[in-house]
Amino acid sequence: MVTAYVALGSNLGDRRAHLRSAVEGLPGVQRVSGVYETDPVGGPEQEPFLNCVVELDTNLGPHELLAECQRLEQAADRVRAVRWGPRTLDIDILLYDDLEVATPQLDIPHPRMAERRFVLQPLADLAPERCPPDWDETLPGDGVHRVADL
C-alpha cells in the first residue's frame, strides 16, 4: 500500500456533486480536505472552481491510478476541448508516496503543484508537511476561499 494525494476540481454543472461522486469512486479514500472555491487560473474566462484534495491508501500502480482517475472524469462527461478550460471534473495525481514518475502520460509529483494555491491550500489541510516551505507566504492568497466540507 502507498499513500497518494489527488486533487479534484469542477466548475461546470453541479460542482459539489461532481466532487462527491469522484470521492465515492476513488479507491482507498482515507481523508478529504475542505472544499475551496477558487478563481480559474489560465485558459479562457470561466466560472469559479470548487477544489479539494483526497488522501488515498492504494495498491494501484501510478498508471493504474491515472486510468481510474480518467475513468471517473469520463463518467462525469469531462470534455477536453480547451486547455485549462471549463470542466465537470478534473482529477490530478499530486503525490504517490515519494515516487517520481516522468512519462508522456504522467508526471509525479505534479509539475505545477508548487505554483498553485488552489492545490496547496487543500493539501495543507491533510498533509502540510508535503507542501513546499513558505508556500503560504509566497503564493498570492486571493481567489481561494474555503466554502465547506464535502
N, C-alpha and C. Protein backbone atom coordinates (compact mmCIF):
# COMPACT_ATOMS: atom_id res chain seq x y z
N MET A 1 0.84 -1.19 0.00
CA MET A 1 0.00 0.00 0.00
C MET A 1 0.89 1.25 0.00
N VAL A 2 0.44 2.23 -0.75
CA VAL A 2 1.10 3.53 -0.77
C VAL A 2 0.06 4.60 -0.47
N THR A 3 0.55 5.75 -0.04
CA THR A 3 -0.32 6.90 0.17
C THR A 3 -0.17 7.82 -1.02
N ALA A 4 -1.29 8.15 -1.62
CA ALA A 4 -1.31 9.06 -2.76
C ALA A 4 -2.24 10.22 -2.43
N TYR A 5 -1.95 11.37 -3.03
CA TYR A 5 -2.81 12.54 -2.90
C TYR A 5 -3.26 12.95 -4.30
N VAL A 6 -4.56 13.13 -4.46
CA VAL A 6 -5.11 13.55 -5.74
C VAL A 6 -5.92 14.82 -5.53
N ALA A 7 -5.82 15.72 -6.51
CA ALA A 7 -6.57 16.97 -6.48
C ALA A 7 -7.80 16.82 -7.36
N LEU A 8 -8.93 17.34 -6.88
CA LEU A 8 -10.18 17.32 -7.64
C LEU A 8 -10.63 18.75 -7.88
N GLY A 9 -11.16 19.00 -9.07
CA GLY A 9 -11.71 20.32 -9.37
C GLY A 9 -12.90 20.20 -10.29
N SER A 10 -13.83 21.16 -10.16
CA SER A 10 -15.02 21.19 -11.01
C SER A 10 -15.52 22.63 -11.11
N ASN A 11 -15.90 23.04 -12.33
CA ASN A 11 -16.54 24.35 -12.47
C ASN A 11 -17.71 24.34 -13.45
N LEU A 12 -18.23 23.18 -13.76
CA LEU A 12 -19.41 23.06 -14.61
C LEU A 12 -20.46 22.19 -13.94
N GLY A 13 -21.71 22.56 -14.12
CA GLY A 13 -22.80 21.74 -13.58
C GLY A 13 -22.85 21.80 -12.07
N ASP A 14 -23.28 20.73 -11.46
CA ASP A 14 -23.35 20.64 -10.00
C ASP A 14 -21.94 20.30 -9.50
N ARG A 15 -21.15 21.34 -9.26
CA ARG A 15 -19.74 21.16 -8.91
C ARG A 15 -19.54 20.26 -7.70
N ARG A 16 -20.30 20.48 -6.67
CA ARG A 16 -20.15 19.69 -5.45
C ARG A 16 -20.51 18.23 -5.69
N ALA A 17 -21.55 17.99 -6.47
CA ALA A 17 -21.94 16.60 -6.78
C ALA A 17 -20.85 15.90 -7.59
N HIS A 18 -20.21 16.61 -8.51
CA HIS A 18 -19.11 16.01 -9.28
C HIS A 18 -17.96 15.61 -8.35
N LEU A 19 -17.62 16.50 -7.41
CA LEU A 19 -16.54 16.18 -6.47
C LEU A 19 -16.94 14.99 -5.59
N ARG A 20 -18.16 15.02 -5.09
CA ARG A 20 -18.64 13.94 -4.21
C ARG A 20 -18.61 12.60 -4.94
N SER A 21 -19.07 12.59 -6.19
CA SER A 21 -19.09 11.35 -6.97
C SER A 21 -17.66 10.82 -7.19
N ALA A 22 -16.72 11.73 -7.45
CA ALA A 22 -15.33 11.30 -7.64
C ALA A 22 -14.77 10.70 -6.36
N VAL A 23 -15.04 11.34 -5.22
CA VAL A 23 -14.55 10.81 -3.94
C VAL A 23 -15.13 9.42 -3.70
N GLU A 24 -16.41 9.25 -3.99
CA GLU A 24 -17.04 7.94 -3.80
C GLU A 24 -16.45 6.89 -4.74
N GLY A 25 -15.97 7.31 -5.91
CA GLY A 25 -15.43 6.36 -6.87
C GLY A 25 -13.95 6.06 -6.73
N LEU A 26 -13.22 6.90 -6.01
CA LEU A 26 -11.78 6.68 -5.86
C LEU A 26 -11.52 5.52 -4.90
N PRO A 27 -10.51 4.70 -5.20
CA PRO A 27 -10.22 3.55 -4.33
C PRO A 27 -9.38 3.95 -3.12
N GLY A 28 -9.76 3.48 -1.94
CA GLY A 28 -8.92 3.64 -0.75
C GLY A 28 -8.92 5.02 -0.13
N VAL A 29 -10.02 5.75 -0.24
CA VAL A 29 -10.08 7.10 0.33
C VAL A 29 -9.92 7.02 1.85
N GLN A 30 -8.98 7.82 2.36
CA GLN A 30 -8.75 7.91 3.80
C GLN A 30 -9.28 9.21 4.37
N ARG A 31 -8.97 10.32 3.69
CA ARG A 31 -9.39 11.63 4.17
C ARG A 31 -9.63 12.55 2.98
N VAL A 32 -10.49 13.56 3.22
CA VAL A 32 -10.81 14.55 2.19
C VAL A 32 -10.62 15.93 2.82
N SER A 33 -9.95 16.81 2.11
CA SER A 33 -9.75 18.18 2.60
C SER A 33 -11.06 18.94 2.60
N GLY A 34 -11.01 20.16 3.10
CA GLY A 34 -12.12 21.07 2.91
C GLY A 34 -12.29 21.38 1.43
N VAL A 35 -13.43 21.95 1.08
CA VAL A 35 -13.71 22.35 -0.30
C VAL A 35 -13.46 23.85 -0.40
N TYR A 36 -12.71 24.24 -1.43
CA TYR A 36 -12.34 25.63 -1.64
C TYR A 36 -12.91 26.12 -2.96
N GLU A 37 -13.49 27.30 -2.94
CA GLU A 37 -13.89 27.93 -4.20
C GLU A 37 -12.72 28.77 -4.65
N THR A 38 -12.36 28.62 -5.92
CA THR A 38 -11.16 29.26 -6.43
C THR A 38 -11.40 29.89 -7.79
N ASP A 39 -10.71 31.00 -8.01
CA ASP A 39 -10.74 31.62 -9.33
C ASP A 39 -9.98 30.73 -10.31
N PRO A 40 -10.43 30.67 -11.56
CA PRO A 40 -9.70 29.88 -12.56
C PRO A 40 -8.33 30.48 -12.83
N VAL A 41 -7.37 29.62 -13.16
CA VAL A 41 -6.01 30.04 -13.48
C VAL A 41 -5.73 29.63 -14.92
N GLY A 42 -5.37 30.60 -15.76
CA GLY A 42 -5.09 30.30 -17.16
C GLY A 42 -6.37 30.00 -17.92
N GLY A 43 -6.24 29.77 -19.20
CA GLY A 43 -7.38 29.39 -20.02
C GLY A 43 -8.34 30.54 -20.27
N PRO A 44 -9.49 30.23 -20.84
CA PRO A 44 -10.48 31.25 -21.17
C PRO A 44 -11.22 31.74 -19.92
N GLU A 45 -11.97 32.82 -20.08
CA GLU A 45 -12.81 33.29 -18.98
C GLU A 45 -13.83 32.20 -18.67
N GLN A 46 -14.01 31.92 -17.37
CA GLN A 46 -14.90 30.84 -16.97
C GLN A 46 -15.32 31.02 -15.52
N GLU A 47 -16.23 30.19 -15.10
CA GLU A 47 -16.77 30.25 -13.74
C GLU A 47 -15.74 29.74 -12.72
N PRO A 48 -15.92 30.10 -11.44
CA PRO A 48 -15.01 29.61 -10.39
C PRO A 48 -15.08 28.09 -10.24
N PHE A 49 -14.01 27.55 -9.70
CA PHE A 49 -13.91 26.11 -9.43
C PHE A 49 -14.22 25.81 -7.98
N LEU A 50 -14.66 24.61 -7.72
CA LEU A 50 -14.57 24.02 -6.40
C LEU A 50 -13.42 23.03 -6.46
N ASN A 51 -12.54 23.07 -5.46
CA ASN A 51 -11.36 22.21 -5.41
C ASN A 51 -11.25 21.55 -4.05
N CYS A 52 -10.70 20.34 -4.05
CA CYS A 52 -10.33 19.66 -2.81
C CYS A 52 -9.21 18.68 -3.12
N VAL A 53 -8.64 18.11 -2.07
CA VAL A 53 -7.61 17.09 -2.21
C VAL A 53 -8.05 15.87 -1.41
N VAL A 54 -7.76 14.71 -1.96
CA VAL A 54 -8.13 13.44 -1.34
C VAL A 54 -6.86 12.63 -1.05
N GLU A 55 -6.80 12.08 0.14
CA GLU A 55 -5.71 11.17 0.51
C GLU A 55 -6.20 9.74 0.31
N LEU A 56 -5.41 8.96 -0.41
CA LEU A 56 -5.75 7.57 -0.71
C LEU A 56 -4.69 6.63 -0.16
N ASP A 57 -5.09 5.49 0.31
CA ASP A 57 -4.20 4.35 0.52
C ASP A 57 -4.56 3.37 -0.58
N THR A 58 -3.60 3.07 -1.44
CA THR A 58 -3.93 2.25 -2.60
C THR A 58 -2.81 1.28 -2.93
N ASN A 59 -3.18 0.19 -3.55
CA ASN A 59 -2.18 -0.73 -4.09
C ASN A 59 -2.17 -0.67 -5.61
N LEU A 60 -2.91 0.28 -6.18
CA LEU A 60 -2.82 0.51 -7.62
C LEU A 60 -1.48 1.15 -7.93
N GLY A 61 -0.89 0.77 -9.05
CA GLY A 61 0.32 1.45 -9.51
C GLY A 61 -0.04 2.85 -9.99
N PRO A 62 0.94 3.72 -10.18
CA PRO A 62 0.64 5.10 -10.58
C PRO A 62 -0.13 5.21 -11.89
N HIS A 63 0.21 4.41 -12.88
CA HIS A 63 -0.51 4.47 -14.15
C HIS A 63 -1.91 3.86 -14.04
N GLU A 64 -2.06 2.85 -13.18
CA GLU A 64 -3.39 2.28 -12.92
C GLU A 64 -4.27 3.32 -12.21
N LEU A 65 -3.68 4.06 -11.28
CA LEU A 65 -4.43 5.11 -10.59
C LEU A 65 -4.82 6.21 -11.57
N LEU A 66 -3.92 6.56 -12.47
CA LEU A 66 -4.25 7.55 -13.51
C LEU A 66 -5.43 7.07 -14.35
N ALA A 67 -5.42 5.80 -14.75
CA ALA A 67 -6.52 5.25 -15.55
C ALA A 67 -7.83 5.34 -14.79
N GLU A 68 -7.80 5.07 -13.49
CA GLU A 68 -9.01 5.15 -12.66
C GLU A 68 -9.50 6.60 -12.58
N CYS A 69 -8.58 7.54 -12.44
CA CYS A 69 -8.96 8.96 -12.40
C CYS A 69 -9.58 9.39 -13.73
N GLN A 70 -9.01 8.95 -14.82
CA GLN A 70 -9.55 9.29 -16.13
C GLN A 70 -10.92 8.65 -16.36
N ARG A 71 -11.12 7.46 -15.84
CA ARG A 71 -12.43 6.80 -15.93
C ARG A 71 -13.48 7.63 -15.20
N LEU A 72 -13.13 8.14 -14.02
CA LEU A 72 -14.07 8.96 -13.26
C LEU A 72 -14.36 10.28 -13.98
N GLU A 73 -13.35 10.87 -14.61
CA GLU A 73 -13.57 12.09 -15.39
C GLU A 73 -14.54 11.81 -16.54
N GLN A 74 -14.35 10.69 -17.23
CA GLN A 74 -15.24 10.34 -18.34
C GLN A 74 -16.66 10.09 -17.84
N ALA A 75 -16.79 9.47 -16.69
CA ALA A 75 -18.12 9.21 -16.12
C ALA A 75 -18.84 10.51 -15.80
N ALA A 76 -18.06 11.57 -15.54
CA ALA A 76 -18.64 12.89 -15.27
C ALA A 76 -18.80 13.71 -16.55
N ASP A 77 -18.65 13.05 -17.70
CA ASP A 77 -18.79 13.71 -19.01
C ASP A 77 -17.77 14.82 -19.23
N ARG A 78 -16.55 14.61 -18.77
CA ARG A 78 -15.46 15.56 -18.96
C ARG A 78 -15.19 15.69 -20.45
N VAL A 79 -15.11 16.94 -20.92
CA VAL A 79 -14.77 17.24 -22.31
C VAL A 79 -13.45 17.98 -22.32
N ARG A 80 -12.50 17.52 -23.11
CA ARG A 80 -11.18 18.14 -23.21
C ARG A 80 -11.07 18.94 -24.50
N ALA A 81 -11.85 20.03 -24.58
CA ALA A 81 -11.88 20.82 -25.81
C ALA A 81 -10.86 21.95 -25.78
N VAL A 82 -10.65 22.57 -24.60
CA VAL A 82 -9.77 23.73 -24.47
C VAL A 82 -8.84 23.49 -23.29
N ARG A 83 -7.52 23.67 -23.51
CA ARG A 83 -6.58 23.50 -22.41
C ARG A 83 -6.92 24.50 -21.32
N TRP A 84 -6.98 24.00 -20.08
CA TRP A 84 -7.32 24.79 -18.90
C TRP A 84 -8.70 25.42 -19.02
N GLY A 85 -9.57 24.79 -19.82
CA GLY A 85 -10.93 25.29 -19.99
C GLY A 85 -11.85 24.74 -18.92
N PRO A 86 -13.12 25.12 -19.00
CA PRO A 86 -14.09 24.65 -18.02
C PRO A 86 -14.24 23.13 -18.09
N ARG A 87 -14.57 22.54 -16.94
CA ARG A 87 -14.72 21.08 -16.90
C ARG A 87 -15.64 20.65 -15.78
N THR A 88 -16.33 19.57 -16.03
CA THR A 88 -17.18 18.99 -14.99
C THR A 88 -16.33 18.41 -13.88
N LEU A 89 -15.21 17.77 -14.26
CA LEU A 89 -14.35 17.13 -13.27
C LEU A 89 -12.93 17.05 -13.81
N ASP A 90 -12.01 17.45 -12.96
CA ASP A 90 -10.59 17.34 -13.27
C ASP A 90 -9.95 16.63 -12.08
N ILE A 91 -9.19 15.58 -12.35
CA ILE A 91 -8.50 14.84 -11.29
C ILE A 91 -7.03 14.75 -11.65
N ASP A 92 -6.18 15.22 -10.75
CA ASP A 92 -4.73 15.17 -10.96
C ASP A 92 -4.07 14.44 -9.80
N ILE A 93 -3.17 13.53 -10.12
CA ILE A 93 -2.37 12.87 -9.10
C ILE A 93 -1.27 13.86 -8.71
N LEU A 94 -1.24 14.23 -7.44
CA LEU A 94 -0.23 15.16 -6.95
C LEU A 94 1.01 14.43 -6.48
N LEU A 95 0.81 13.46 -5.61
CA LEU A 95 1.90 12.72 -4.98
C LEU A 95 1.53 11.25 -4.88
N TYR A 96 2.55 10.41 -4.97
CA TYR A 96 2.37 8.97 -4.86
C TYR A 96 3.52 8.48 -4.00
N ASP A 97 3.31 8.45 -2.67
CA ASP A 97 4.41 8.28 -1.71
C ASP A 97 5.52 9.25 -2.10
N ASP A 98 6.75 8.78 -2.19
CA ASP A 98 7.86 9.65 -2.60
C ASP A 98 8.33 9.31 -4.01
N LEU A 99 7.52 8.57 -4.74
CA LEU A 99 7.89 8.15 -6.08
C LEU A 99 7.92 9.34 -7.04
N GLU A 100 8.89 9.33 -7.94
CA GLU A 100 8.93 10.30 -9.02
C GLU A 100 8.69 9.56 -10.33
N VAL A 101 7.78 10.08 -11.13
CA VAL A 101 7.42 9.49 -12.42
C VAL A 101 7.50 10.59 -13.47
N ALA A 102 8.12 10.30 -14.59
CA ALA A 102 8.16 11.24 -15.70
C ALA A 102 7.97 10.45 -16.99
N THR A 103 6.73 10.34 -17.42
CA THR A 103 6.40 9.67 -18.67
C THR A 103 5.55 10.62 -19.49
N PRO A 104 5.34 10.33 -20.77
CA PRO A 104 4.46 11.21 -21.57
C PRO A 104 3.04 11.30 -21.01
N GLN A 105 2.59 10.28 -20.29
CA GLN A 105 1.23 10.27 -19.76
C GLN A 105 1.12 10.84 -18.35
N LEU A 106 2.21 10.84 -17.59
CA LEU A 106 2.10 11.11 -16.16
C LEU A 106 3.39 11.69 -15.59
N ASP A 107 3.25 12.77 -14.81
CA ASP A 107 4.36 13.35 -14.06
C ASP A 107 3.97 13.41 -12.59
N ILE A 108 4.79 12.78 -11.76
CA ILE A 108 4.59 12.81 -10.31
C ILE A 108 5.95 13.12 -9.68
N PRO A 109 6.02 14.08 -8.75
CA PRO A 109 4.97 14.95 -8.28
C PRO A 109 4.42 15.81 -9.42
N HIS A 110 3.20 16.29 -9.22
CA HIS A 110 2.57 17.12 -10.25
C HIS A 110 3.46 18.32 -10.52
N PRO A 111 3.80 18.58 -11.79
CA PRO A 111 4.82 19.60 -12.10
C PRO A 111 4.44 21.04 -11.75
N ARG A 112 3.17 21.37 -11.63
CA ARG A 112 2.79 22.76 -11.31
C ARG A 112 2.17 22.90 -9.92
N MET A 113 2.24 21.83 -9.15
CA MET A 113 1.63 21.82 -7.82
C MET A 113 2.14 22.97 -6.95
N ALA A 114 3.43 23.23 -6.93
CA ALA A 114 4.02 24.24 -6.04
C ALA A 114 3.64 25.66 -6.42
N GLU A 115 3.06 25.85 -7.61
CA GLU A 115 2.68 27.19 -8.07
C GLU A 115 1.20 27.48 -7.85
N ARG A 116 0.46 26.55 -7.31
CA ARG A 116 -1.00 26.65 -7.29
C ARG A 116 -1.56 26.60 -5.87
N ARG A 117 -1.98 27.75 -5.39
CA ARG A 117 -2.60 27.81 -4.06
C ARG A 117 -3.85 26.95 -4.02
N PHE A 118 -4.58 26.86 -5.14
CA PHE A 118 -5.82 26.07 -5.14
C PHE A 118 -5.55 24.58 -4.96
N VAL A 119 -4.29 24.16 -5.11
CA VAL A 119 -3.88 22.79 -4.82
C VAL A 119 -3.28 22.71 -3.41
N LEU A 120 -2.38 23.64 -3.10
CA LEU A 120 -1.65 23.56 -1.84
C LEU A 120 -2.53 23.84 -0.62
N GLN A 121 -3.50 24.75 -0.75
CA GLN A 121 -4.36 25.05 0.39
C GLN A 121 -5.11 23.81 0.86
N PRO A 122 -5.79 23.08 -0.03
CA PRO A 122 -6.44 21.85 0.45
C PRO A 122 -5.46 20.74 0.82
N LEU A 123 -4.31 20.66 0.13
CA LEU A 123 -3.30 19.67 0.51
C LEU A 123 -2.82 19.93 1.94
N ALA A 124 -2.67 21.21 2.29
CA ALA A 124 -2.22 21.57 3.64
C ALA A 124 -3.22 21.14 4.71
N ASP A 125 -4.50 21.03 4.36
CA ASP A 125 -5.49 20.51 5.31
C ASP A 125 -5.14 19.09 5.74
N LEU A 126 -4.58 18.32 4.82
CA LEU A 126 -4.33 16.90 5.06
C LEU A 126 -2.88 16.59 5.38
N ALA A 127 -1.96 17.24 4.70
CA ALA A 127 -0.54 16.89 4.82
C ALA A 127 0.33 18.14 4.64
N PRO A 128 0.32 19.04 5.61
CA PRO A 128 1.09 20.27 5.46
C PRO A 128 2.58 20.02 5.24
N GLU A 129 3.08 18.90 5.75
CA GLU A 129 4.49 18.57 5.57
C GLU A 129 4.84 18.24 4.12
N ARG A 130 3.84 17.97 3.29
CA ARG A 130 4.07 17.66 1.88
C ARG A 130 4.03 18.91 1.00
N CYS A 131 3.74 20.07 1.59
CA CYS A 131 3.73 21.33 0.86
C CYS A 131 5.13 21.94 0.87
N PRO A 132 5.47 22.72 -0.16
CA PRO A 132 6.79 23.37 -0.18
C PRO A 132 6.93 24.36 0.99
N PRO A 133 8.14 24.56 1.47
CA PRO A 133 8.34 25.51 2.55
C PRO A 133 7.90 26.92 2.13
N ASP A 134 7.30 27.63 3.07
CA ASP A 134 6.90 29.04 2.88
C ASP A 134 5.90 29.27 1.77
N TRP A 135 5.23 28.23 1.28
CA TRP A 135 4.29 28.43 0.18
C TRP A 135 3.19 29.41 0.57
N ASP A 136 2.79 29.39 1.83
CA ASP A 136 1.67 30.23 2.26
C ASP A 136 2.04 31.71 2.26
N GLU A 137 3.33 32.01 2.40
CA GLU A 137 3.77 33.40 2.35
C GLU A 137 4.11 33.86 0.93
N THR A 138 4.44 32.94 0.05
CA THR A 138 4.92 33.33 -1.27
C THR A 138 3.86 33.31 -2.37
N LEU A 139 2.83 32.50 -2.22
CA LEU A 139 1.79 32.43 -3.25
C LEU A 139 0.67 33.41 -2.92
N PRO A 140 0.16 34.14 -3.91
CA PRO A 140 -0.96 35.05 -3.66
C PRO A 140 -2.15 34.28 -3.07
N GLY A 141 -2.83 34.93 -2.12
CA GLY A 141 -3.93 34.27 -1.43
C GLY A 141 -5.30 34.61 -1.95
N ASP A 142 -5.40 35.62 -2.84
CA ASP A 142 -6.73 35.99 -3.32
C ASP A 142 -7.31 34.88 -4.18
N GLY A 143 -8.60 34.81 -4.14
CA GLY A 143 -9.29 33.90 -5.05
C GLY A 143 -9.37 32.46 -4.59
N VAL A 144 -8.95 32.16 -3.34
CA VAL A 144 -9.05 30.80 -2.81
C VAL A 144 -9.72 30.91 -1.44
N HIS A 145 -10.95 30.40 -1.34
CA HIS A 145 -11.74 30.55 -0.11
C HIS A 145 -12.38 29.22 0.26
N ARG A 146 -12.16 28.80 1.51
CA ARG A 146 -12.81 27.57 1.97
C ARG A 146 -14.31 27.84 2.08
N VAL A 147 -15.10 26.95 1.49
CA VAL A 147 -16.54 27.15 1.48
C VAL A 147 -17.31 26.07 2.24
N ALA A 148 -16.71 24.88 2.38
CA ALA A 148 -17.48 23.80 3.00
C ALA A 148 -16.60 22.58 3.19
N ASP A 149 -17.20 21.57 3.79
CA ASP A 149 -16.64 20.22 3.79
C ASP A 149 -17.45 19.42 2.79
N LEU A 150 -16.84 18.40 2.24
CA LEU A 150 -17.55 17.59 1.26
C LEU A 150 -18.39 16.59 2.03
